[in-house]
Amino acid sequence: MLIAVIVALAVGTYAFRVSGVLLRDRLDLPTWARQLLPVAAAALLAALAATAALTEGAAFAGWARPTGVLVGVVLAWRRAPFVLVVVAAAGTTALLRLLGVP
């Protein structure tokens, strides 16, 4: 049963992606909608990141995780190497949790 579900999801994902390529010429979006699509994608990604950073289940994740994310964002904004961004964010979160910050 699990294999059937995985195959069904794979086929659905592939069909969804192919439909965009096949219908691109048939679908005529207004200029304002075409300009809004990249902004909408960035907004959805930001909302997903904020939800993952601030919540755990249905509750607030505590202050350690958002602080670690903030450290990572600041380092990425300052163009630090990726490994440093990840290690600093994880280290900040771990250190705060070790100190008892939820």
PDB file of N, CA and C in Angstrom:
ATOM      1  N   MET A   1       0.825  -1.192   0.000  1.00  0.00           N
ATOM      2  CA  MET A   1       0.000   0.000   0.000  1.00  0.00           C
ATOM      3  C   MET A   1       0.869   1.255   0.000  1.00  0.00           C
ATOM      4  N   LEU A   2       1.953   1.231   0.779  1.00  0.00           N
ATOM      5  CA  LEU A   2       2.833   2.394   0.848  1.00  0.00           C
ATOM      6  C   LEU A   2       3.456   2.694  -0.504  1.00  0.00           C
ATOM      7  N   ILE A   3       3.854   1.676  -1.231  1.00  0.00           N
ATOM      8  CA  ILE A   3       4.444   1.863  -2.558  1.00  0.00           C
ATOM      9  C   ILE A   3       3.427   2.489  -3.503  1.00  0.00           C
ATOM     10  N   ALA A   4       2.175   2.057  -3.420  1.00  0.00           N
ATOM     11  CA  ALA A   4       1.130   2.617  -4.281  1.00  0.00           C
ATOM     12  C   ALA A   4       0.922   4.099  -3.988  1.00  0.00           C
ATOM     13  N   VAL A   5       0.963   4.480  -2.730  1.00  0.00           N
ATOM     14  CA  VAL A   5       0.805   5.884  -2.359  1.00  0.00           C
ATOM     15  C   VAL A   5       1.990   6.700  -2.873  1.00  0.00           C
ATOM     16  N   ILE A   6       3.185   6.173  -2.735  1.00  0.00           N
ATOM     17  CA  ILE A   6       4.380   6.881  -3.214  1.00  0.00           C
ATOM     18  C   ILE A   6       4.325   7.050  -4.724  1.00  0.00           C
ATOM     19  N   VAL A   7       3.941   6.011  -5.442  1.00  0.00           N
ATOM     20  CA  VAL A   7       3.839   6.094  -6.905  1.00  0.00           C
ATOM     21  C   VAL A   7       2.758   7.094  -7.303  1.00  0.00           C
ATOM     22  N   ALA A   8       1.621   7.069  -6.621  1.00  0.00           N
ATOM     23  CA  ALA A   8       0.548   8.012  -6.938  1.00  0.00           C
ATOM     24  C   ALA A   8       0.986   9.456  -6.709  1.00  0.00           C
ATOM     25  N   LEU A   9       1.689   9.704  -5.620  1.00  0.00           N
ATOM     26  CA  LEU A   9       2.184  11.056  -5.367  1.00  0.00           C
ATOM     27  C   LEU A   9       3.238  11.467  -6.388  1.00  0.00           C
ATOM     28  N   ALA A  10       4.084  10.550  -6.788  1.00  0.00           N
ATOM     29  CA  ALA A  10       5.097  10.857  -7.798  1.00  0.00           C
ATOM     30  C   ALA A  10       4.455  11.186  -9.140  1.00  0.00           C
ATOM     31  N   VAL A  11       3.470  10.412  -9.533  1.00  0.00           N
ATOM     32  CA  VAL A  11       2.768  10.670 -10.795  1.00  0.00           C
ATOM     33  C   VAL A  11       2.036  12.003 -10.735  1.00  0.00           C
ATOM     34  N   GLY A  12       1.387  12.280  -9.630  1.00  0.00           N
ATOM     35  CA  GLY A  12       0.685  13.560  -9.486  1.00  0.00           C
ATOM     36  C   GLY A  12       1.637  14.749  -9.531  1.00  0.00           C
ATOM     37  N   THR A  13       2.782  14.621  -8.882  1.00  0.00           N
ATOM     38  CA  THR A  13       3.768  15.697  -8.905  1.00  0.00           C
ATOM     39  C   THR A  13       4.299  15.915 -10.311  1.00  0.00           C
ATOM     40  N   TYR A  14       4.615  14.825 -11.001  1.00  0.00           N
ATOM     41  CA  TYR A  14       5.119  14.938 -12.363  1.00  0.00           C
ATOM     42  C   TYR A  14       4.064  15.553 -13.272  1.00  0.00           C
ATOM     43  N   ALA A  15       2.808  15.122 -13.150  1.00  0.00           N
ATOM     44  CA  ALA A  15       1.727  15.667 -13.980  1.00  0.00           C
ATOM     45  C   ALA A  15       1.537  17.159 -13.718  1.00  0.00           C
ATOM     46  N   PHE A  16       1.638  17.561 -12.473  1.00  0.00           N
ATOM     47  CA  PHE A  16       1.491  18.971 -12.132  1.00  0.00           C
ATOM     48  C   PHE A  16       2.595  19.802 -12.773  1.00  0.00           C
ATOM     49  N   ARG A  17       3.823  19.301 -12.738  1.00  0.00           N
ATOM     50  CA  ARG A  17       4.951  20.020 -13.325  1.00  0.00           C
ATOM     51  C   ARG A  17       4.864  20.062 -14.850  1.00  0.00           C
ATOM     52  N   VAL A  18       4.476  18.961 -15.458  1.00  0.00           N
ATOM     53  CA  VAL A  18       4.369  18.917 -16.923  1.00  0.00           C
ATOM     54  C   VAL A  18       3.232  19.806 -17.402  1.00  0.00           C
ATOM     55  N   SER A  19       2.158  19.896 -16.632  1.00  0.00           N
ATOM     56  CA  SER A  19       1.032  20.737 -17.049  1.00  0.00           C
ATOM     57  C   SER A  19       1.447  22.201 -17.163  1.00  0.00           C
ATOM     58  N   GLY A  20       2.352  22.647 -16.330  1.00  0.00           N
ATOM     59  CA  GLY A  20       2.835  24.019 -16.449  1.00  0.00           C
ATOM     60  C   GLY A  20       3.563  24.260 -17.749  1.00  0.00           C
ATOM     61  N   VAL A  21       4.375  23.312 -18.149  1.00  0.00           N
ATOM     62  CA  VAL A  21       5.115  23.441 -19.412  1.00  0.00           C
ATOM     63  C   VAL A  21       4.160  23.364 -20.598  1.00  0.00           C
ATOM     64  N   LEU A  22       3.206  22.448 -20.554  1.00  0.00           N
ATOM     65  CA  LEU A  22       2.296  22.251 -21.676  1.00  0.00           C
ATOM     66  C   LEU A  22       1.270  23.377 -21.813  1.00  0.00           C
ATOM     67  N   LEU A  23       0.855  23.951 -20.705  1.00  0.00           N
ATOM     68  CA  LEU A  23      -0.192  24.979 -20.750  1.00  0.00           C
ATOM     69  C   LEU A  23       0.352  26.408 -20.757  1.00  0.00           C
ATOM     70  N   ARG A  24       1.651  26.578 -20.743  1.00  0.00           N
ATOM     71  CA  ARG A  24       2.231  27.919 -20.665  1.00  0.00           C
ATOM     72  C   ARG A  24       1.788  28.804 -21.824  1.00  0.00           C
ATOM     73  N   ASP A  25       1.762  28.252 -23.036  1.00  0.00           N
ATOM     74  CA  ASP A  25       1.381  29.046 -24.200  1.00  0.00           C
ATOM     75  C   ASP A  25      -0.123  29.248 -24.304  1.00  0.00           C
ATOM     76  N   ARG A  26      -0.912  28.382 -23.704  1.00  0.00           N
ATOM     77  CA  ARG A  26      -2.368  28.501 -23.778  1.00  0.00           C
ATOM     78  C   ARG A  26      -2.933  29.462 -22.736  1.00  0.00           C
ATOM     79  N   LEU A  27      -2.242  29.632 -21.654  1.00  0.00           N
ATOM     80  CA  LEU A  27      -2.717  30.462 -20.555  1.00  0.00           C
ATOM     81  C   LEU A  27      -2.153  31.862 -20.716  1.00  0.00           C
ATOM     82  N   ASP A  28      -3.037  32.840 -20.861  1.00  0.00           N
ATOM     83  CA  ASP A  28      -2.607  34.216 -21.053  1.00  0.00           C
ATOM     84  C   ASP A  28      -2.930  35.021 -19.790  1.00  0.00           C
ATOM     85  N   LEU A  29      -1.917  35.275 -18.996  1.00  0.00           N
ATOM     86  CA  LEU A  29      -2.103  36.040 -17.767  1.00  0.00           C
ATOM     87  C   LEU A  29      -1.955  37.522 -18.046  1.00  0.00           C
ATOM     88  N   PRO A  30      -2.679  38.340 -17.315  1.00  0.00           N
ATOM     89  CA  PRO A  30      -2.478  39.783 -17.448  1.00  0.00           C
ATOM     90  C   PRO A  30      -1.066  40.170 -16.995  1.00  0.00           C
ATOM     91  N   THR A  31      -0.617  41.323 -17.444  1.00  0.00           N
ATOM     92  CA  THR A  31       0.738  41.774 -17.120  1.00  0.00           C
ATOM     93  C   THR A  31       0.940  41.892 -15.616  1.00  0.00           C
ATOM     94  N   TRP A  32      -0.050  42.414 -14.900  1.00  0.00           N
ATOM     95  CA  TRP A  32       0.097  42.588 -13.460  1.00  0.00           C
ATOM     96  C   TRP A  32       0.249  41.244 -12.758  1.00  0.00           C
ATOM     97  N   ALA A  33      -0.436  40.206 -13.262  1.00  0.00           N
ATOM     98  CA  ALA A  33      -0.336  38.885 -12.641  1.00  0.00           C
ATOM     99  C   ALA A  33       1.040  38.264 -12.909  1.00  0.00           C
ATOM    100  N   ARG A  34       1.576  38.462 -14.121  1.00  0.00           N
ATOM    101  CA  ARG A  34       2.905  37.938 -14.439  1.00  0.00           C
ATOM    102  C   ARG A  34       3.978  38.610 -13.593  1.00  0.00           C
ATOM    103  N   GLN A  35       3.797  39.897 -13.297  1.00  0.00           N
ATOM    104  CA  GLN A  35       4.766  40.601 -12.455  1.00  0.00           C
ATOM    105  C   GLN A  35       4.633  40.202 -10.992  1.00  0.00           C
ATOM    106  N   LEU A  36       3.460  39.778 -10.599  1.00  0.00           N
ATOM    107  CA  LEU A  36       3.202  39.420  -9.208  1.00  0.00           C
ATOM    108  C   LEU A  36       3.663  38.002  -8.851  1.00  0.00           C
ATOM    109  N   LEU A  37       3.786  37.120  -9.824  1.00  0.00           N
ATOM    110  CA  LEU A  37       4.140  35.725  -9.550  1.00  0.00           C
ATOM    111  C   LEU A  37       5.481  35.562  -8.835  1.00  0.00           C
ATOM    112  N   PRO A  38       6.579  36.213  -9.250  1.00  0.00           N
ATOM    113  CA  PRO A  38       7.827  36.052  -8.498  1.00  0.00           C
ATOM    114  C   PRO A  38       7.735  36.574  -7.062  1.00  0.00           C
ATOM    115  N   VAL A  39       6.996  37.659  -6.867  1.00  0.00           N
ATOM    116  CA  VAL A  39       6.829  38.208  -5.527  1.00  0.00           C
ATOM    117  C   VAL A  39       6.002  37.251  -4.665  1.00  0.00           C
ATOM    118  N   ALA A  40       4.998  36.633  -5.267  1.00  0.00           N
ATOM    119  CA  ALA A  40       4.162  35.689  -4.527  1.00  0.00           C
ATOM    120  C   ALA A  40       4.978  34.468  -4.107  1.00  0.00           C
ATOM    121  N   ALA A  41       5.858  34.008  -4.970  1.00  0.00           N
ATOM    122  CA  ALA A  41       6.701  32.865  -4.618  1.00  0.00           C
ATOM    123  C   ALA A  41       7.619  33.216  -3.455  1.00  0.00           C
ATOM    124  N   ALA A  42       8.187  34.405  -3.473  1.00  0.00           N
ATOM    125  CA  ALA A  42       9.057  34.829  -2.368  1.00  0.00           C
ATOM    126  C   ALA A  42       8.260  34.985  -1.078  1.00  0.00           C
ATOM    127  N   ALA A  43       7.050  35.500  -1.162  1.00  0.00           N
ATOM    128  CA  ALA A  43       6.215  35.662   0.024  1.00  0.00           C
ATOM    129  C   ALA A  43       5.832  34.307   0.621  1.00  0.00           C
ATOM    130  N   LEU A  44       5.511  33.341  -0.225  1.00  0.00           N
ATOM    131  CA  LEU A  44       5.187  32.003   0.275  1.00  0.00           C
ATOM    132  C   LEU A  44       6.394  31.345   0.930  1.00  0.00           C
ATOM    133  N   LEU A  45       7.562  31.514   0.347  1.00  0.00           N
ATOM    134  CA  LEU A  45       8.773  30.947   0.938  1.00  0.00           C
ATOM    135  C   LEU A  45       9.086  31.609   2.281  1.00  0.00           C
ATOM    136  N   ALA A  46       8.910  32.923   2.365  1.00  0.00           N
ATOM    137  CA  ALA A  46       9.139  33.621   3.631  1.00  0.00           C
ATOM    138  C   ALA A  46       8.136  33.171   4.701  1.00  0.00           C
ATOM    139  N   ALA A  47       6.893  32.976   4.312  1.00  0.00           N
ATOM    140  CA  ALA A  47       5.883  32.514   5.268  1.00  0.00           C
ATOM    141  C   ALA A  47       6.187  31.102   5.762  1.00  0.00           C
ATOM    142  N   LEU A  48       6.649  30.252   4.861  1.00  0.00           N
ATOM    143  CA  LEU A  48       7.031  28.894   5.261  1.00  0.00           C
ATOM    144  C   LEU A  48       8.218  28.922   6.217  1.00  0.00           C
ATOM    145  N   ALA A  49       9.205  29.746   5.924  1.00  0.00           N
ATOM    146  CA  ALA A  49      10.380  29.845   6.799  1.00  0.00           C
ATOM    147  C   ALA A  49       9.995  30.400   8.165  1.00  0.00           C
ATOM    148  N   ALA A  50       9.130  31.408   8.189  1.00  0.00           N
ATOM    149  CA  ALA A  50       8.706  31.987   9.462  1.00  0.00           C
ATOM    150  C   ALA A  50       7.922  30.979  10.292  1.00  0.00           C
ATOM    151  N   THR A  51       7.054  30.231   9.647  1.00  0.00           N
ATOM    152  CA  THR A  51       6.279  29.217  10.362  1.00  0.00           C
ATOM    153  C   THR A  51       7.193  28.145  10.939  1.00  0.00           C
ATOM    154  N   ALA A  52       8.174  27.704  10.152  1.00  0.00           N
ATOM    155  CA  ALA A  52       9.095  26.673  10.631  1.00  0.00           C
ATOM    156  C   ALA A  52       9.983  27.192  11.750  1.00  0.00           C
ATOM    157  N   ALA A  53      10.328  28.476  11.695  1.00  0.00           N
ATOM    158  CA  ALA A  53      11.231  29.039  12.701  1.00  0.00           C
ATOM    159  C   ALA A  53      10.521  29.358  14.012  1.00  0.00           C
ATOM    160  N   LEU A  54       9.260  29.692  13.951  1.00  0.00           N
ATOM    161  CA  LEU A  54       8.570  30.189  15.142  1.00  0.00           C
ATOM    162  C   LEU A  54       7.647  29.189  15.820  1.00  0.00           C
ATOM    163  N   THR A  55       7.263  28.133  15.125  1.00  0.00           N
ATOM    164  CA  THR A  55       6.294  27.208  15.720  1.00  0.00           C
ATOM    165  C   THR A  55       6.816  25.789  15.748  1.00  0.00           C
ATOM    166  N   GLU A  56       6.300  25.049  16.697  1.00  0.00           N
ATOM    167  CA  GLU A  56       6.550  23.617  16.792  1.00  0.00           C
ATOM    168  C   GLU A  56       5.211  22.979  17.111  1.00  0.00           C
ATOM    169  N   GLY A  57       4.670  22.263  16.161  1.00  0.00           N
ATOM    170  CA  GLY A  57       3.308  21.769  16.298  1.00  0.00           C
ATOM    171  C   GLY A  57       2.362  22.948  16.151  1.00  0.00           C
ATOM    172  N   ALA A  58       1.544  23.175  17.157  1.00  0.00           N
ATOM    173  CA  ALA A  58       0.619  24.298  17.116  1.00  0.00           C
ATOM    174  C   ALA A  58       1.005  25.384  18.106  1.00  0.00           C
ATOM    175  N   ALA A  59       2.176  25.270  18.712  1.00  0.00           N
ATOM    176  CA  ALA A  59       2.575  26.214  19.754  1.00  0.00           C
ATOM    177  C   ALA A  59       3.862  26.936  19.371  1.00  0.00           C
ATOM    178  N   PHE A  60       4.155  27.980  20.106  1.00  0.00           N
ATOM    179  CA  PHE A  60       5.389  28.735  19.925  1.00  0.00           C
ATOM    180  C   PHE A  60       6.579  27.842  20.237  1.00  0.00           C
ATOM    181  N   ALA A  61       7.620  27.913  19.430  1.00  0.00           N
ATOM    182  CA  ALA A  61       8.773  27.012  19.575  1.00  0.00           C
ATOM    183  C   ALA A  61       9.707  27.417  20.702  1.00  0.00           C
ATOM    184  N   GLY A  62       9.503  28.542  21.308  1.00  0.00           N
ATOM    185  CA  GLY A  62      10.417  29.036  22.328  1.00  0.00           C
ATOM    186  C   GLY A  62      11.369  30.043  21.708  1.00  0.00           C
ATOM    187  N   TRP A  63      12.231  30.608  22.518  1.00  0.00           N
ATOM    188  CA  TRP A  63      13.096  31.687  22.037  1.00  0.00           C
ATOM    189  C   TRP A  63      14.407  31.200  21.442  1.00  0.00           C
ATOM    190  N   ALA A  64      14.821  29.981  21.719  1.00  0.00           N
ATOM    191  CA  ALA A  64      16.115  29.491  21.234  1.00  0.00           C
ATOM    192  C   ALA A  64      16.122  29.341  19.712  1.00  0.00           C
ATOM    193  N   ARG A  65      15.098  28.726  19.153  1.00  0.00           N
ATOM    194  CA  ARG A  65      15.068  28.512  17.712  1.00  0.00           C
ATOM    195  C   ARG A  65      14.989  29.816  16.921  1.00  0.00           C
ATOM    196  N   PRO A  66      14.079  30.746  17.238  1.00  0.00           N
ATOM    197  CA  PRO A  66      14.070  32.010  16.484  1.00  0.00           C
ATOM    198  C   PRO A  66      15.372  32.795  16.614  1.00  0.00           C
ATOM    199  N   THR A  67      16.020  32.706  17.770  1.00  0.00           N
ATOM    200  CA  THR A  67      17.300  33.396  17.944  1.00  0.00           C
ATOM    201  C   THR A  67      18.361  32.777  17.047  1.00  0.00           C
ATOM    202  N   GLY A  68      18.394  31.465  16.961  1.00  0.00           N
ATOM    203  CA  GLY A  68      19.328  30.795  16.058  1.00  0.00           C
ATOM    204  C   GLY A  68      19.060  31.149  14.609  1.00  0.00           C
ATOM    205  N   VAL A  69      17.796  31.205  14.236  1.00  0.00           N
ATOM    206  CA  VAL A  69      17.437  31.602  12.873  1.00  0.00           C
ATOM    207  C   VAL A  69      17.872  33.039  12.607  1.00  0.00           C
ATOM    208  N   LEU A  70      17.682  33.915  13.583  1.00  0.00           N
ATOM    209  CA  LEU A  70      18.100  35.310  13.425  1.00  0.00           C
ATOM    210  C   LEU A  70      19.612  35.414  13.229  1.00  0.00           C
ATOM    211  N   VAL A  71      20.374  34.643  13.987  1.00  0.00           N
ATOM    212  CA  VAL A  71      21.832  34.628  13.817  1.00  0.00           C
ATOM    213  C   VAL A  71      22.185  34.157  12.406  1.00  0.00           C
ATOM    214  N   GLY A  72      21.520  33.113  11.938  1.00  0.00           N
ATOM    215  CA  GLY A  72      21.761  32.617  10.585  1.00  0.00           C
ATOM    216  C   GLY A  72      21.406  33.632   9.518  1.00  0.00           C
ATOM    217  N   VAL A  73      20.289  34.332   9.698  1.00  0.00           N
ATOM    218  CA  VAL A  73      19.871  35.350   8.723  1.00  0.00           C
ATOM    219  C   VAL A  73      20.876  36.492   8.673  1.00  0.00           C
ATOM    220  N   VAL A  74      21.328  36.945   9.830  1.00  0.00           N
ATOM    221  CA  VAL A  74      22.296  38.048   9.863  1.00  0.00           C
ATOM    222  C   VAL A  74      23.604  37.630   9.194  1.00  0.00           C
ATOM    223  N   LEU A  75      24.078  36.426   9.482  1.00  0.00           N
ATOM    224  CA  LEU A  75      25.316  35.969   8.854  1.00  0.00           C
ATOM    225  C   LEU A  75      25.150  35.777   7.346  1.00  0.00           C
ATOM    226  N   ALA A  76      24.010  35.260   6.919  1.00  0.00           N
ATOM    227  CA  ALA A  76      23.773  35.110   5.483  1.00  0.00           C
ATOM    228  C   ALA A  76      23.685  36.469   4.806  1.00  0.00           C
ATOM    229  N   TRP A  77      23.061  37.416   5.479  1.00  0.00           N
ATOM    230  CA  TRP A  77      22.952  38.774   4.933  1.00  0.00           C
ATOM    231  C   TRP A  77      24.334  39.413   4.801  1.00  0.00           C
ATOM    232  N   ARG A  78      25.222  39.098   5.738  1.00  0.00           N
ATOM    233  CA  ARG A  78      26.595  39.618   5.698  1.00  0.00           C
ATOM    234  C   ARG A  78      27.486  38.796   4.763  1.00  0.00           C
ATOM    235  N   ARG A  79      26.875  37.835   4.065  1.00  0.00           N
ATOM    236  CA  ARG A  79      27.553  36.984   3.078  1.00  0.00           C
ATOM    237  C   ARG A  79      28.654  36.112   3.684  1.00  0.00           C
ATOM    238  N   ALA A  80      28.380  35.570   4.845  1.00  0.00           N
ATOM    239  CA  ALA A  80      29.297  34.621   5.468  1.00  0.00           C
ATOM    240  C   ALA A  80      29.210  33.293   4.710  1.00  0.00           C
ATOM    241  N   PRO A  81      30.246  32.471   4.789  1.00  0.00           N
ATOM    242  CA  PRO A  81      30.175  31.149   4.140  1.00  0.00           C
ATOM    243  C   PRO A  81      29.008  30.330   4.696  1.00  0.00           C
ATOM    244  N   PHE A  82      28.426  29.527   3.822  1.00  0.00           N
ATOM    245  CA  PHE A  82      27.228  28.764   4.174  1.00  0.00           C
ATOM    246  C   PHE A  82      27.452  27.870   5.385  1.00  0.00           C
ATOM    247  N   VAL A  83      28.585  27.203   5.432  1.00  0.00           N
ATOM    248  CA  VAL A  83      28.869  26.301   6.558  1.00  0.00           C
ATOM    249  C   VAL A  83      28.892  27.092   7.862  1.00  0.00           C
ATOM    250  N   LEU A  84      29.476  28.274   7.839  1.00  0.00           N
ATOM    251  CA  LEU A  84      29.502  29.120   9.034  1.00  0.00           C
ATOM    252  C   LEU A  84      28.090  29.538   9.444  1.00  0.00           C
ATOM    253  N   VAL A  85      27.254  29.864   8.480  1.00  0.00           N
ATOM    254  CA  VAL A  85      25.866  30.253   8.776  1.00  0.00           C
ATOM    255  C   VAL A  85      25.142  29.114   9.481  1.00  0.00           C
ATOM    256  N   VAL A  86      25.263  27.917   8.943  1.00  0.00           N
ATOM    257  CA  VAL A  86      24.553  26.770   9.512  1.00  0.00           C
ATOM    258  C   VAL A  86      25.089  26.420  10.897  1.00  0.00           C
ATOM    259  N   VAL A  87      26.408  26.382  11.024  1.00  0.00           N
ATOM    260  CA  VAL A  87      27.008  26.016  12.314  1.00  0.00           C
ATOM    261  C   VAL A  87      26.703  27.071  13.373  1.00  0.00           C
ATOM    262  N   ALA A  88      26.769  28.344  13.011  1.00  0.00           N
ATOM    263  CA  ALA A  88      26.485  29.399  13.990  1.00  0.00           C
ATOM    264  C   ALA A  88      25.021  29.376  14.423  1.00  0.00           C
ATOM    265  N   ALA A  89      24.110  29.171  13.475  1.00  0.00           N
ATOM    266  CA  ALA A  89      22.685  29.118  13.829  1.00  0.00           C
ATOM    267  C   ALA A  89      22.386  27.928  14.728  1.00  0.00           C
ATOM    268  N   ALA A  90      22.906  26.763  14.354  1.00  0.00           N
ATOM    269  CA  ALA A  90      22.677  25.569  15.172  1.00  0.00           C
ATOM    270  C   ALA A  90      23.366  25.691  16.521  1.00  0.00           C
ATOM    271  N   GLY A  91      24.570  26.247  16.526  1.00  0.00           N
ATOM    272  CA  GLY A  91      25.295  26.421  17.782  1.00  0.00           C
ATOM    273  C   GLY A  91      24.610  27.381  18.725  1.00  0.00           C
ATOM    274  N   THR A  92      24.080  28.472  18.174  1.00  0.00           N
ATOM    275  CA  THR A  92      23.353  29.435  18.999  1.00  0.00           C
ATOM    276  C   THR A  92      22.126  28.788  19.630  1.00  0.00           C
ATOM    277  N   THR A  93      21.385  28.054  18.821  1.00  0.00           N
ATOM    278  CA  THR A  93      20.191  27.380  19.329  1.00  0.00           C
ATOM    279  C   THR A  93      20.564  26.356  20.400  1.00  0.00           C
ATOM    280  N   ALA A  94      21.593  25.572  20.126  1.00  0.00           N
ATOM    281  CA  ALA A  94      22.017  24.550  21.089  1.00  0.00           C
ATOM    282  C   ALA A  94      22.515  25.174  22.391  1.00  0.00           C
ATOM    283  N   LEU A  95      23.279  26.236  22.289  1.00  0.00           N
ATOM    284  CA  LEU A  95      23.803  26.897  23.487  1.00  0.00           C
ATOM    285  C   LEU A  95      22.668  27.476  24.325  1.00  0.00           C
ATOM    286  N   LEU A  96      21.717  28.110  23.673  1.00  0.00           N
ATOM    287  CA  LEU A  96      20.586  28.668  24.432  1.00  0.00           C
ATOM    288  C   LEU A  96      19.764  27.562  25.092  1.00  0.00           C
ATOM    289  N   ARG A  97      19.588  26.460  24.400  1.00  0.00           N
ATOM    290  CA  ARG A  97      18.830  25.345  25.007  1.00  0.00           C
ATOM    291  C   ARG A  97      19.620  24.724  26.152  1.00  0.00           C
ATOM    292  N   LEU A  98      20.931  24.682  26.012  1.00  0.00           N
ATOM    293  CA  LEU A  98      21.781  24.165  27.085  1.00  0.00           C
ATOM    294  C   LEU A  98      21.686  25.055  28.319  1.00  0.00           C
ATOM    295  N   LEU A  99      21.531  26.363  28.099  1.00  0.00           N
ATOM    296  CA  LEU A  99      21.403  27.306  29.200  1.00  0.00           C
ATOM    297  C   LEU A  99      19.990  27.337  29.793  1.00  0.00           C
ATOM    298  N   GLY A 100      19.078  26.576  29.195  1.00  0.00           N
ATOM    299  CA  GLY A 100      17.729  26.482  29.764  1.00  0.00           C
ATOM    300  C   GLY A 100      16.698  27.379  29.087  1.00  0.00           C
ATOM    301  N   VAL A 101      17.094  28.068  28.028  1.00  0.00           N
ATOM    302  CA  VAL A 101      16.126  28.894  27.302  1.00  0.00           C
ATOM    303  C   VAL A 101      15.275  27.960  26.456  1.00  0.00           C
ATOM    304  N   PRO A 102      13.971  28.054  26.564  1.00  0.00           N
ATOM    305  CA  PRO A 102      13.112  27.113  25.800  1.00  0.00           C
ATOM    306  C   PRO A 102      13.171  27.358  24.299  1.00  0.00           C
TER     307      PRO A 102
END
